[in-house]
Amino acid sequence: MTTEVRSLREFKMPDVGEGLTEAEILSWYVKPGDTVTDGQVVCEVETAKAAVELPIPFNGVVEQLFFPEGATVDVGTVIISVAVAGEAGAAPAAAPAPAAAEPAAEAEPERREVLVGYGPRTGGSQRRARRTTTVTAVATPKPAPAAAAPAAPAPAAPAVPAPVAEVPGGQRPLAKPPVRKLAKDLGIDLRAVTPTGPDGVITREDLHAHAAAQAAPAAPAVEQAVVEATEAVAAPVPVSGAGDVRVPIKGVRKATAQAMVASAFTAPHVTEFVQVDVTRTMKFVRKLKESGELGRDVRVSPLLLVAKALLTAIKRHPEINAQWDEAAQEIVVKGQVNLGIAAATPRGLIVPNIKDAGSRTLSGLAVALGELVETARQGKTPPADMQGGTVTITNVGVFGVDTGTPILNPGEAAILAFGAVRELPWVHKGKVVPRQVTTLALSFDHRLVDGELGSKVLADVAALLEHPKRLITWG
């Protein structure tokens, strides 16, 4: 019967961003034989932009997982098949299905849904996102080939990973995606970790405590973690020589590498430096913290004032907030400043940005900056927050680094590096006294930013940090 031929539905890897071509499967949340419902998250994948969860778009019973955790899958490739509930394929078939199959005359019209907040949607109602980074995607049901029966999956499919054993009570260990990624990198089985977080959620601290308790005189922890992480890939990664480790370049790190190469060999970089006495700025930060002027729960840091100083300098010199249009041979001066903040995460360096940061008050900027940093740390930054940036700040000072020559984020004209704040001997009011000093470095695209404009912007930022009260009068 035709219902037996059409009993299996295939769910393909969707394009969860804009034009992405592949994604890595981080975790499967289901296994063959599990019952799934429309909208249920079945796996977590990592793209070049973010980690996202994929919900299944129909009800049924999981028939097959086509790829193991750690595999990189091209967009459009089938990753899971589901026997639709109520049809013959929902249970194991005792005999092959008939050879003939009717055309799928009543198949649903094709619908292409992309990441929440991206692109047009056609046909059907919008599905509710489980989280900010949840992807809602619908696979178009297709009639199975005439010779294919529900009980006989395609022989070319990769081996399915062994099912994850359930912990007592039948519950899967609770942990956020970044924690699961860390556990994977460290080679820790979450089922063996004692959770201390709210509602039994496993935290980073739990993983580190578990790792410390299980530590043995073997290979260095970081090296061992990398080795175990590479073992999760479908094909073994050869390791040559004593202690050599080969790490696959994929996901965020692959995208970062490609972007930096493109930027370095496309835009002619110029970097200028300036040392700044930020003693008054550091006092101002302490005052804002103690007074609670910006809000009781708002995090105040020197980076906040650096960001405000840069935004104020851009307001005075808007030509630096620009983009080079190679096709039109034009310089496009942007109407608003989308301020990017470089953030180091377990998956690599990302640069989410605060939309229209130039229009925000100091308090509003502090709130947005705090939310951006926290979301990045949790690994929940959606791709929308990493697109459309116009200028970037990289805070290398948090690593104790004085300065550097930062590479431009592709498509942007400038990036400011904020170095470590150190107590140094400084001439102040005619005397050499200890002052708190930092080094700023501004890299810019010399095609559209000449030395005069770059120097004026950097000098303005330095002046504002040396005399932070000017942030009020200049802004």
Protein backbone atom coordinates (compact mmCIF):
# COMPACT_ATOMS: atom_id res chain seq x y z
CA MET A 1 0.00 0.00 0.00
CA THR A 2 1.14 3.54 -0.63
CA THR A 3 0.96 4.41 3.06
CA GLU A 4 3.67 1.83 3.72
CA VAL A 5 5.95 3.34 1.04
CA ARG A 6 5.50 6.87 2.38
CA SER A 7 5.77 5.90 6.06
CA LEU A 8 9.32 7.19 6.50
CA ARG A 9 9.98 10.92 6.62
CA GLU A 10 13.47 12.30 6.28
CA PHE A 11 14.75 15.39 8.08
CA LYS A 12 17.63 17.16 6.32
CA MET A 13 20.30 19.40 7.73
CA PRO A 14 18.86 22.91 7.22
CA ASP A 15 20.72 26.12 6.48
CA VAL A 16 20.57 27.52 9.99
CA GLY A 17 22.18 30.82 9.08
CA GLU A 18 22.62 32.70 5.84
CA GLY A 19 24.31 30.66 3.13
CA LEU A 20 26.07 28.20 5.47
CA THR A 21 27.11 24.97 3.76
CA GLU A 22 27.77 22.58 6.65
CA ALA A 23 27.33 21.98 10.37
CA GLU A 24 28.82 19.64 12.96
CA ILE A 25 26.53 17.43 15.03
CA LEU A 26 27.46 18.07 18.65
CA SER A 27 24.83 15.98 20.44
CA TRP A 28 21.93 13.69 19.67
CA TYR A 29 19.03 13.99 22.10
CA VAL A 30 17.18 10.96 20.70
CA LYS A 31 18.00 7.42 19.57
CA PRO A 32 16.33 4.86 17.28
CA GLY A 33 13.02 3.73 18.75
CA ASP A 34 12.34 6.98 20.60
CA THR A 35 8.99 8.67 20.03
CA VAL A 36 9.27 12.31 18.92
CA THR A 37 6.70 15.06 18.59
CA ASP A 38 6.42 18.06 16.28
CA GLY A 39 8.76 20.78 17.57
CA GLN A 40 10.84 18.50 19.82
CA VAL A 41 14.59 19.24 19.76
CA VAL A 42 16.40 16.16 18.49
CA CYS A 43 19.99 17.36 18.20
CA GLU A 44 22.40 20.24 18.67
CA VAL A 45 24.67 21.34 15.83
CA GLU A 46 27.50 23.83 15.51
CA THR A 47 27.90 26.01 12.46
CA ALA A 48 30.58 28.52 11.60
CA LYS A 49 28.54 31.11 13.49
CA ALA A 50 26.89 29.52 16.52
CA ALA A 51 25.60 26.39 18.23
CA VAL A 52 21.91 25.81 17.60
CA GLU A 53 19.30 23.18 18.39
CA LEU A 54 17.21 21.52 15.70
CA PRO A 55 13.56 20.55 16.33
CA ILE A 56 11.89 17.78 14.33
CA PRO A 57 8.92 19.03 12.27
CA PHE A 58 6.64 16.01 12.62
CA ASN A 59 5.43 13.28 15.01
CA GLY A 60 6.64 9.70 14.85
CA VAL A 61 9.21 7.12 15.93
CA VAL A 62 12.93 7.57 15.24
CA GLU A 63 13.95 5.01 12.63
CA GLN A 64 17.59 5.89 12.03
CA LEU A 65 20.30 8.44 12.85
CA PHE A 66 22.47 8.78 9.78
CA PHE A 67 25.51 10.44 11.38
CA PRO A 68 27.32 10.09 14.74
CA GLU A 69 28.13 12.93 17.10
CA GLY A 70 31.18 14.84 15.88
CA ALA A 71 30.40 14.34 12.19
CA THR A 72 30.32 17.36 9.86
CA VAL A 73 27.31 17.23 7.56
CA ASP A 74 26.55 19.23 4.42
CA VAL A 75 23.37 21.30 4.36
CA GLY A 76 20.59 19.38 2.61
CA THR A 77 21.84 15.93 3.71
CA VAL A 78 19.41 13.64 5.53
CA ILE A 79 20.42 13.31 9.19
CA ILE A 80 17.47 11.44 10.69
CA SER A 81 14.49 9.40 9.46
CA VAL A 82 11.22 9.09 11.35
CA ALA A 83 8.43 6.57 10.90
CA VAL A 84 5.33 8.72 11.01
CA ALA A 85 3.00 7.80 13.86
CA GLY A 86 -0.12 5.93 12.79
CA GLU A 87 1.38 4.58 9.56
CA ALA A 88 2.63 1.13 8.84
CA GLY A 89 6.25 2.16 9.01
CA ALA A 90 5.90 3.21 12.65
CA ALA A 91 6.51 -0.38 13.70
CA PRO A 92 9.03 -2.86 12.29
CA ALA A 93 7.71 -4.38 9.06
CA ALA A 94 7.42 -8.16 8.75
CA ALA A 95 7.63 -8.17 4.96
CA PRO A 96 8.92 -5.87 2.22
CA ALA A 97 6.59 -3.15 0.98
CA PRO A 98 5.01 -3.47 -2.49
CA ALA A 99 7.22 -2.40 -5.34
CA ALA A 100 4.87 0.19 -6.79
CA ALA A 101 4.36 3.60 -5.22
CA GLU A 102 1.81 6.27 -5.99
CA PRO A 103 3.00 9.82 -6.72
CA ALA A 104 2.93 12.03 -3.64
CA ALA A 105 -0.08 13.97 -4.88
CA GLU A 106 -1.07 15.03 -1.38
CA ALA A 107 2.42 15.88 -0.14
CA GLU A 108 2.66 19.15 1.70
CA PRO A 109 3.96 22.10 -0.35
CA GLU A 110 7.65 22.69 0.21
CA ARG A 111 8.41 25.09 3.03
CA ARG A 112 11.78 26.59 3.74
CA GLU A 113 12.13 28.08 7.17
CA VAL A 114 15.36 29.49 8.39
CA LEU A 115 16.84 30.73 11.66
CA VAL A 116 14.40 32.65 13.82
CA GLY A 117 14.56 36.28 12.76
CA TYR A 118 16.04 35.51 9.33
CA GLY A 119 14.57 35.74 5.86
CA PRO A 120 11.07 35.16 4.50
CA ARG A 121 8.77 32.32 5.51
CA THR A 122 6.23 30.91 3.11
CA GLY A 123 3.34 28.61 3.83
CA GLY A 124 2.18 27.30 7.18
CA SER A 125 2.21 28.97 10.54
CA GLN A 126 5.31 30.08 12.38
CA ARG A 127 6.61 27.68 14.93
CA ARG A 128 7.56 28.83 18.38
CA ALA A 129 11.29 28.96 19.10
CA ARG A 130 12.33 27.00 22.18
CA ARG A 131 15.30 29.29 22.69
CA THR A 132 16.82 32.32 21.07
CA THR A 133 19.18 30.12 19.06
CA THR A 134 16.66 27.40 18.25
CA VAL A 135 16.21 26.69 14.55
CA THR A 136 12.78 25.94 13.12
CA ALA A 137 13.15 23.96 9.92
CA VAL A 138 10.77 21.82 7.92
CA ALA A 139 11.83 18.98 5.66
CA THR A 140 9.64 18.33 2.64
CA PRO A 141 8.23 14.80 2.83
CA LYS A 142 9.11 12.70 -0.19
CA PRO A 143 7.83 9.29 -1.25
CA ALA A 144 10.45 6.63 -0.60
CA PRO A 145 11.97 4.92 -3.64
CA ALA A 146 9.95 1.99 -4.93
CA ALA A 147 12.50 -0.57 -3.82
CA ALA A 148 12.95 0.90 -0.35
CA ALA A 149 11.03 -0.48 2.61
CA PRO A 150 10.80 1.08 6.08
CA ALA A 151 12.68 -1.82 7.63
CA ALA A 152 15.59 -1.57 5.19
CA PRO A 153 17.51 1.73 5.61
CA ALA A 154 19.96 2.80 2.94
CA PRO A 155 23.12 0.68 3.20
CA ALA A 156 25.38 3.67 2.49
CA ALA A 157 24.41 5.43 5.71
CA PRO A 158 27.24 5.91 8.21
CA ALA A 159 27.29 3.85 11.37
CA VAL A 160 24.99 5.08 14.12
CA PRO A 161 26.64 5.83 17.46
CA ALA A 162 25.82 3.60 20.37
CA PRO A 163 22.73 4.83 22.26
CA VAL A 164 23.42 6.98 25.26
CA ALA A 165 22.61 5.06 28.40
CA GLU A 166 20.07 6.75 30.62
CA VAL A 167 20.85 7.79 34.16
CA PRO A 168 18.71 6.51 37.03
CA GLY A 169 15.17 7.72 36.64
CA GLY A 170 15.39 7.64 32.84
CA GLN A 171 16.56 11.28 32.60
CA ARG A 172 19.35 12.56 30.38
CA PRO A 173 22.01 14.55 32.30
CA LEU A 174 21.08 18.24 32.32
CA ALA A 175 23.72 20.67 31.03
CA LYS A 176 23.88 23.72 28.81
CA PRO A 177 25.43 23.39 25.32
CA PRO A 178 28.78 25.04 26.25
CA VAL A 179 29.09 22.67 29.22
CA ARG A 180 28.36 19.67 26.99
CA LYS A 181 31.02 20.89 24.55
CA LEU A 182 33.54 21.29 27.39
CA ALA A 183 32.71 17.81 28.65
CA LYS A 184 33.26 16.46 25.16
CA ASP A 185 36.62 18.24 24.86
CA LEU A 186 37.71 16.95 28.28
CA GLY A 187 36.49 13.44 27.55
CA ILE A 188 34.10 13.46 30.51
CA ASP A 189 30.92 11.37 30.56
CA LEU A 190 28.21 13.68 31.93
CA ARG A 191 26.49 10.69 33.50
CA ALA A 192 29.44 10.33 35.87
CA VAL A 193 29.40 13.96 37.04
CA THR A 194 27.64 15.06 40.21
CA PRO A 195 25.55 18.17 39.41
CA THR A 196 25.42 21.13 41.78
CA GLY A 197 23.49 23.63 39.64
CA PRO A 198 19.82 24.55 40.04
CA ASP A 199 17.42 21.68 39.27
CA GLY A 200 20.30 19.26 38.88
CA VAL A 201 22.05 21.10 36.04
CA ILE A 202 25.73 20.26 35.54
CA THR A 203 27.98 23.36 35.56
CA ARG A 204 31.50 24.09 34.35
CA GLU A 205 32.68 23.96 37.96
CA ASP A 206 31.24 20.46 38.27
CA LEU A 207 33.25 19.35 35.23
CA HIS A 208 36.48 20.86 36.54
CA ALA A 209 35.91 19.30 39.96
CA HIS A 210 35.27 15.92 38.38
CA ALA A 211 38.35 16.21 36.18
CA ALA A 212 40.52 17.15 39.16
CA ALA A 213 39.23 14.18 41.14
CA GLN A 214 39.95 11.81 38.25
CA ALA A 215 43.32 13.32 37.38
CA ALA A 216 46.10 10.81 36.80
CA PRO A 217 49.78 11.15 35.84
CA ALA A 218 49.17 10.88 32.10
CA ALA A 219 49.37 13.27 29.17
CA PRO A 220 48.82 16.98 29.89
CA ALA A 221 45.13 17.76 30.40
CA VAL A 222 44.80 20.11 27.45
CA GLU A 223 46.61 17.78 25.08
CA GLN A 224 44.55 14.79 26.25
CA ALA A 225 41.33 16.78 25.83
CA VAL A 226 42.25 17.63 22.26
CA VAL A 227 43.10 13.99 21.51
CA GLU A 228 39.78 12.79 22.91
CA ALA A 229 37.91 15.53 21.06
CA THR A 230 39.42 14.43 17.76
CA GLU A 231 38.42 10.82 18.44
CA ALA A 232 34.78 11.92 18.27
CA VAL A 233 35.16 12.57 14.54
CA ALA A 234 33.90 9.75 12.31
CA ALA A 235 37.28 9.18 10.65
CA PRO A 236 40.29 8.81 12.99
CA VAL A 237 42.74 11.70 12.84
CA PRO A 238 46.33 10.53 12.39
CA VAL A 239 48.80 11.66 15.03
CA SER A 240 52.46 11.69 14.09
CA GLY A 241 55.44 11.81 16.37
CA ALA A 242 55.57 11.82 20.15
CA GLY A 243 53.16 14.37 21.54
CA ASP A 244 51.98 15.73 18.19
CA VAL A 245 48.25 16.35 17.99
CA ARG A 246 46.22 17.20 14.90
CA VAL A 247 43.07 19.23 15.54
CA PRO A 248 40.45 19.47 12.76
CA ILE A 249 39.74 23.04 11.67
CA LYS A 250 35.97 23.46 11.55
CA GLY A 251 33.06 25.40 12.95
CA VAL A 252 33.82 28.81 14.44
CA ARG A 253 37.58 28.39 14.19
CA LYS A 254 37.39 27.56 10.49
CA ALA A 255 35.19 30.57 9.79
CA THR A 256 37.51 32.81 11.82
CA ALA A 257 40.59 31.61 9.95
CA GLN A 258 38.97 32.19 6.57
CA ALA A 259 37.72 35.63 7.57
CA MET A 260 41.10 36.76 8.92
CA VAL A 261 42.96 35.61 5.81
CA ALA A 262 40.42 37.37 3.59
CA SER A 263 40.68 40.56 5.66
CA ALA A 264 44.47 40.58 5.88
CA PHE A 265 44.92 40.13 2.11
CA THR A 266 42.06 42.40 1.03
CA ALA A 267 42.20 45.50 3.23
CA PRO A 268 45.51 47.40 3.55
CA HIS A 269 45.95 47.58 7.32
CA VAL A 270 47.50 50.49 9.19
CA THR A 271 47.88 50.42 12.99
CA GLU A 272 48.54 53.40 15.24
CA PHE A 273 49.32 53.35 18.96
CA VAL A 274 48.95 55.71 21.89
CA GLN A 275 49.65 55.44 25.62
CA VAL A 276 47.00 56.97 27.84
CA ASP A 277 46.85 57.97 31.50
CA VAL A 278 43.54 56.38 32.52
CA THR A 279 43.78 57.11 36.24
CA ARG A 280 40.67 59.31 36.15
CA THR A 281 38.77 56.72 34.11
CA MET A 282 39.55 53.99 36.66
CA LYS A 283 38.35 56.28 39.47
CA PHE A 284 35.19 57.02 37.48
CA VAL A 285 34.55 53.28 37.07
CA ARG A 286 34.85 52.76 40.84
CA LYS A 287 32.50 55.68 41.47
CA LEU A 288 29.88 54.28 39.10
CA LYS A 289 30.13 50.87 40.78
CA GLU A 290 29.78 52.26 44.29
CA SER A 291 26.99 54.69 43.50
CA GLY A 292 24.88 52.31 41.44
CA GLU A 293 23.98 55.20 39.11
CA LEU A 294 23.64 52.91 36.11
CA GLY A 295 21.50 50.35 37.94
CA ARG A 296 21.98 47.90 40.78
CA ASP A 297 22.50 44.86 38.56
CA VAL A 298 24.47 46.59 35.80
CA ARG A 299 28.09 45.52 35.43
CA VAL A 300 30.48 48.47 35.13
CA SER A 301 33.98 47.95 33.75
CA PRO A 302 36.72 50.00 32.06
CA LEU A 303 35.63 48.39 28.76
CA LEU A 304 32.30 50.21 29.10
CA LEU A 305 34.01 53.61 29.12
CA VAL A 306 36.35 52.60 26.29
CA ALA A 307 33.28 51.66 24.24
CA LYS A 308 31.57 54.94 25.08
CA ALA A 309 34.72 56.89 24.22
CA LEU A 310 35.00 55.17 20.83
CA LEU A 311 31.32 55.80 20.06
CA THR A 312 31.73 59.46 20.97
CA ALA A 313 34.81 59.75 18.73
CA ILE A 314 32.87 58.16 15.86
CA LYS A 315 30.07 60.68 16.36
CA ARG A 316 32.66 63.43 15.87
CA HIS A 317 34.25 61.63 12.90
CA PRO A 318 31.50 59.50 11.27
CA GLU A 319 33.61 58.79 8.16
CA ILE A 320 35.43 56.03 10.03
CA ASN A 321 32.19 54.10 10.48
CA ALA A 322 32.26 53.02 6.86
CA GLN A 323 32.53 50.11 4.46
CA TRP A 324 34.32 49.60 1.17
CA ASP A 325 32.01 48.57 -1.69
CA GLU A 326 34.31 46.90 -4.20
CA ALA A 327 31.61 46.22 -6.80
CA ALA A 328 30.34 49.81 -6.89
CA GLN A 329 33.76 51.33 -6.16
CA GLU A 330 32.19 53.44 -3.41
CA ILE A 331 32.74 54.17 0.26
CA VAL A 332 29.54 53.56 2.22
CA VAL A 333 29.33 55.61 5.42
CA LYS A 334 27.01 53.70 7.72
CA GLY A 335 24.03 55.45 9.27
CA GLN A 336 24.38 53.69 12.63
CA VAL A 337 27.19 52.16 14.63
CA ASN A 338 26.91 48.42 15.30
CA LEU A 339 29.66 48.00 17.89
CA GLY A 340 31.34 44.59 17.87
CA ILE A 341 33.00 43.18 20.98
CA ALA A 342 35.48 40.34 20.39
CA ALA A 343 34.69 37.48 22.78
CA ALA A 344 36.67 34.31 23.42
CA THR A 345 34.38 31.30 23.84
CA PRO A 346 34.96 27.53 24.16
CA ARG A 347 34.17 27.26 20.44
CA GLY A 348 36.59 30.00 19.38
CA LEU A 349 36.61 33.75 18.88
CA ILE A 350 33.32 35.40 17.95
CA VAL A 351 32.42 39.07 17.47
CA PRO A 352 28.80 39.77 18.38
CA ASN A 353 27.74 43.39 18.04
CA ILE A 354 25.44 45.85 19.78
CA LYS A 355 23.01 47.23 17.22
CA ASP A 356 22.84 51.03 16.95
CA ALA A 357 25.20 51.37 19.92
CA GLY A 358 25.81 55.05 19.16
CA SER A 359 22.26 56.00 20.14
CA ARG A 360 22.45 54.38 23.58
CA THR A 361 23.00 56.17 26.87
CA LEU A 362 25.85 55.05 29.12
CA SER A 363 23.36 53.03 31.16
CA GLY A 364 21.81 51.45 28.06
CA LEU A 365 25.23 50.64 26.68
CA ALA A 366 26.22 48.98 29.97
CA VAL A 367 23.11 46.77 29.92
CA ALA A 368 23.64 45.78 26.28
CA LEU A 369 27.32 45.05 26.87
CA GLY A 370 26.55 42.88 29.88
CA GLU A 371 23.92 40.88 27.98
CA LEU A 372 26.24 40.44 25.00
CA VAL A 373 29.10 39.10 27.14
CA GLU A 374 26.89 36.77 29.18
CA THR A 375 25.19 35.34 26.08
CA ALA A 376 28.57 34.73 24.45
CA ARG A 377 29.90 32.95 27.54
CA GLN A 378 26.89 30.64 27.56
CA GLY A 379 27.39 29.83 23.89
CA LYS A 380 23.95 31.15 22.97
CA THR A 381 24.91 34.02 20.66
CA PRO A 382 22.56 33.88 17.64
CA PRO A 383 24.02 34.46 14.16
CA ALA A 384 21.97 37.66 13.85
CA ASP A 385 24.09 39.24 16.61
CA MET A 386 27.30 38.51 14.70
CA GLN A 387 26.29 40.16 11.44
CA GLY A 388 26.18 43.77 10.35
CA GLY A 389 29.01 45.01 12.57
CA THR A 390 30.62 48.31 11.59
CA VAL A 391 33.47 48.75 14.11
CA THR A 392 35.01 46.46 16.74
CA ILE A 393 36.79 46.56 20.12
CA THR A 394 39.09 43.75 21.21
CA ASN A 395 39.99 43.77 24.91
CA VAL A 396 43.41 42.11 24.94
CA GLY A 397 44.13 43.67 28.33
CA VAL A 398 42.12 40.97 30.13
CA PHE A 399 44.93 38.56 29.19
CA GLY A 400 47.63 40.86 30.58
CA VAL A 401 48.69 41.97 27.09
CA ASP A 402 49.77 45.58 26.59
CA THR A 403 48.72 45.93 22.96
CA GLY A 404 48.74 44.35 19.52
CA THR A 405 48.01 44.95 15.86
CA PRO A 406 44.44 43.66 15.49
CA ILE A 407 43.15 42.45 12.13
CA LEU A 408 39.97 44.06 10.89
CA ASN A 409 36.70 42.20 11.10
CA PRO A 410 35.78 41.65 7.40
CA GLY A 411 33.68 44.49 6.02
CA GLU A 412 34.65 46.94 8.76
CA ALA A 413 36.95 49.95 8.55
CA ALA A 414 38.40 50.02 12.07
CA ILE A 415 39.14 47.93 15.17
CA LEU A 416 40.39 49.22 18.53
CA ALA A 417 42.59 47.12 20.82
CA PHE A 418 42.35 47.97 24.54
CA GLY A 419 45.49 46.88 26.42
CA ALA A 420 46.19 46.07 30.05
CA VAL A 421 45.99 48.88 32.59
CA ARG A 422 49.27 49.09 34.52
CA GLU A 423 50.69 51.36 37.19
CA LEU A 424 53.65 53.15 35.59
CA PRO A 425 55.82 56.19 36.31
CA TRP A 426 54.19 59.13 34.53
CA VAL A 427 54.80 62.85 34.32
CA HIS A 428 51.71 64.41 35.91
CA LYS A 429 51.54 68.13 36.71
CA GLY A 430 55.30 68.46 36.32
CA LYS A 431 56.19 65.53 38.58
CA VAL A 432 56.95 61.87 37.96
CA VAL A 433 54.34 59.95 39.89
CA PRO A 434 52.73 56.50 39.60
CA ARG A 435 49.69 56.60 37.35
CA GLN A 436 47.45 53.97 35.76
CA VAL A 437 48.34 53.73 32.09
CA THR A 438 47.08 51.71 29.13
CA THR A 439 48.00 51.40 25.47
CA LEU A 440 45.42 51.72 22.71
CA ALA A 441 45.97 50.42 19.18
CA LEU A 442 43.72 51.36 16.27
CA SER A 443 43.89 49.37 13.04
CA PHE A 444 42.05 50.75 10.04
CA ASP A 445 41.49 50.10 6.34
CA HIS A 446 43.76 52.56 4.57
CA ARG A 447 41.60 52.50 1.42
CA LEU A 448 38.91 54.56 3.12
CA VAL A 449 40.57 55.84 6.30
CA ASP A 450 43.64 57.99 5.82
CA GLY A 451 46.22 58.75 8.48
CA GLU A 452 44.60 62.03 9.48
CA LEU A 453 41.17 60.51 10.13
CA GLY A 454 42.58 57.50 11.96
CA SER A 455 44.80 59.71 14.11
CA LYS A 456 41.94 62.05 15.02
CA VAL A 457 39.71 59.16 16.12
CA LEU A 458 42.47 57.57 18.22
CA ALA A 459 43.42 60.92 19.75
CA ASP A 460 39.78 61.59 20.67
CA VAL A 461 39.42 58.20 22.36
CA ALA A 462 42.63 58.84 24.33
CA ALA A 463 41.51 62.32 25.39
CA LEU A 464 38.12 61.03 26.56
CA LEU A 465 39.72 58.28 28.65
CA GLU A 466 42.22 60.70 30.15
CA HIS A 467 39.39 63.11 31.05
CA PRO A 468 36.20 60.98 31.25
CA LYS A 469 34.03 63.99 32.14
CA ARG A 470 34.33 64.95 28.48
CA LEU A 471 32.14 61.96 27.68
CA ILE A 472 29.25 64.09 28.92
CA THR A 473 30.21 67.38 27.26
CA TRP A 474 31.34 65.84 23.94
CA GLY A 475 28.53 63.28 23.76
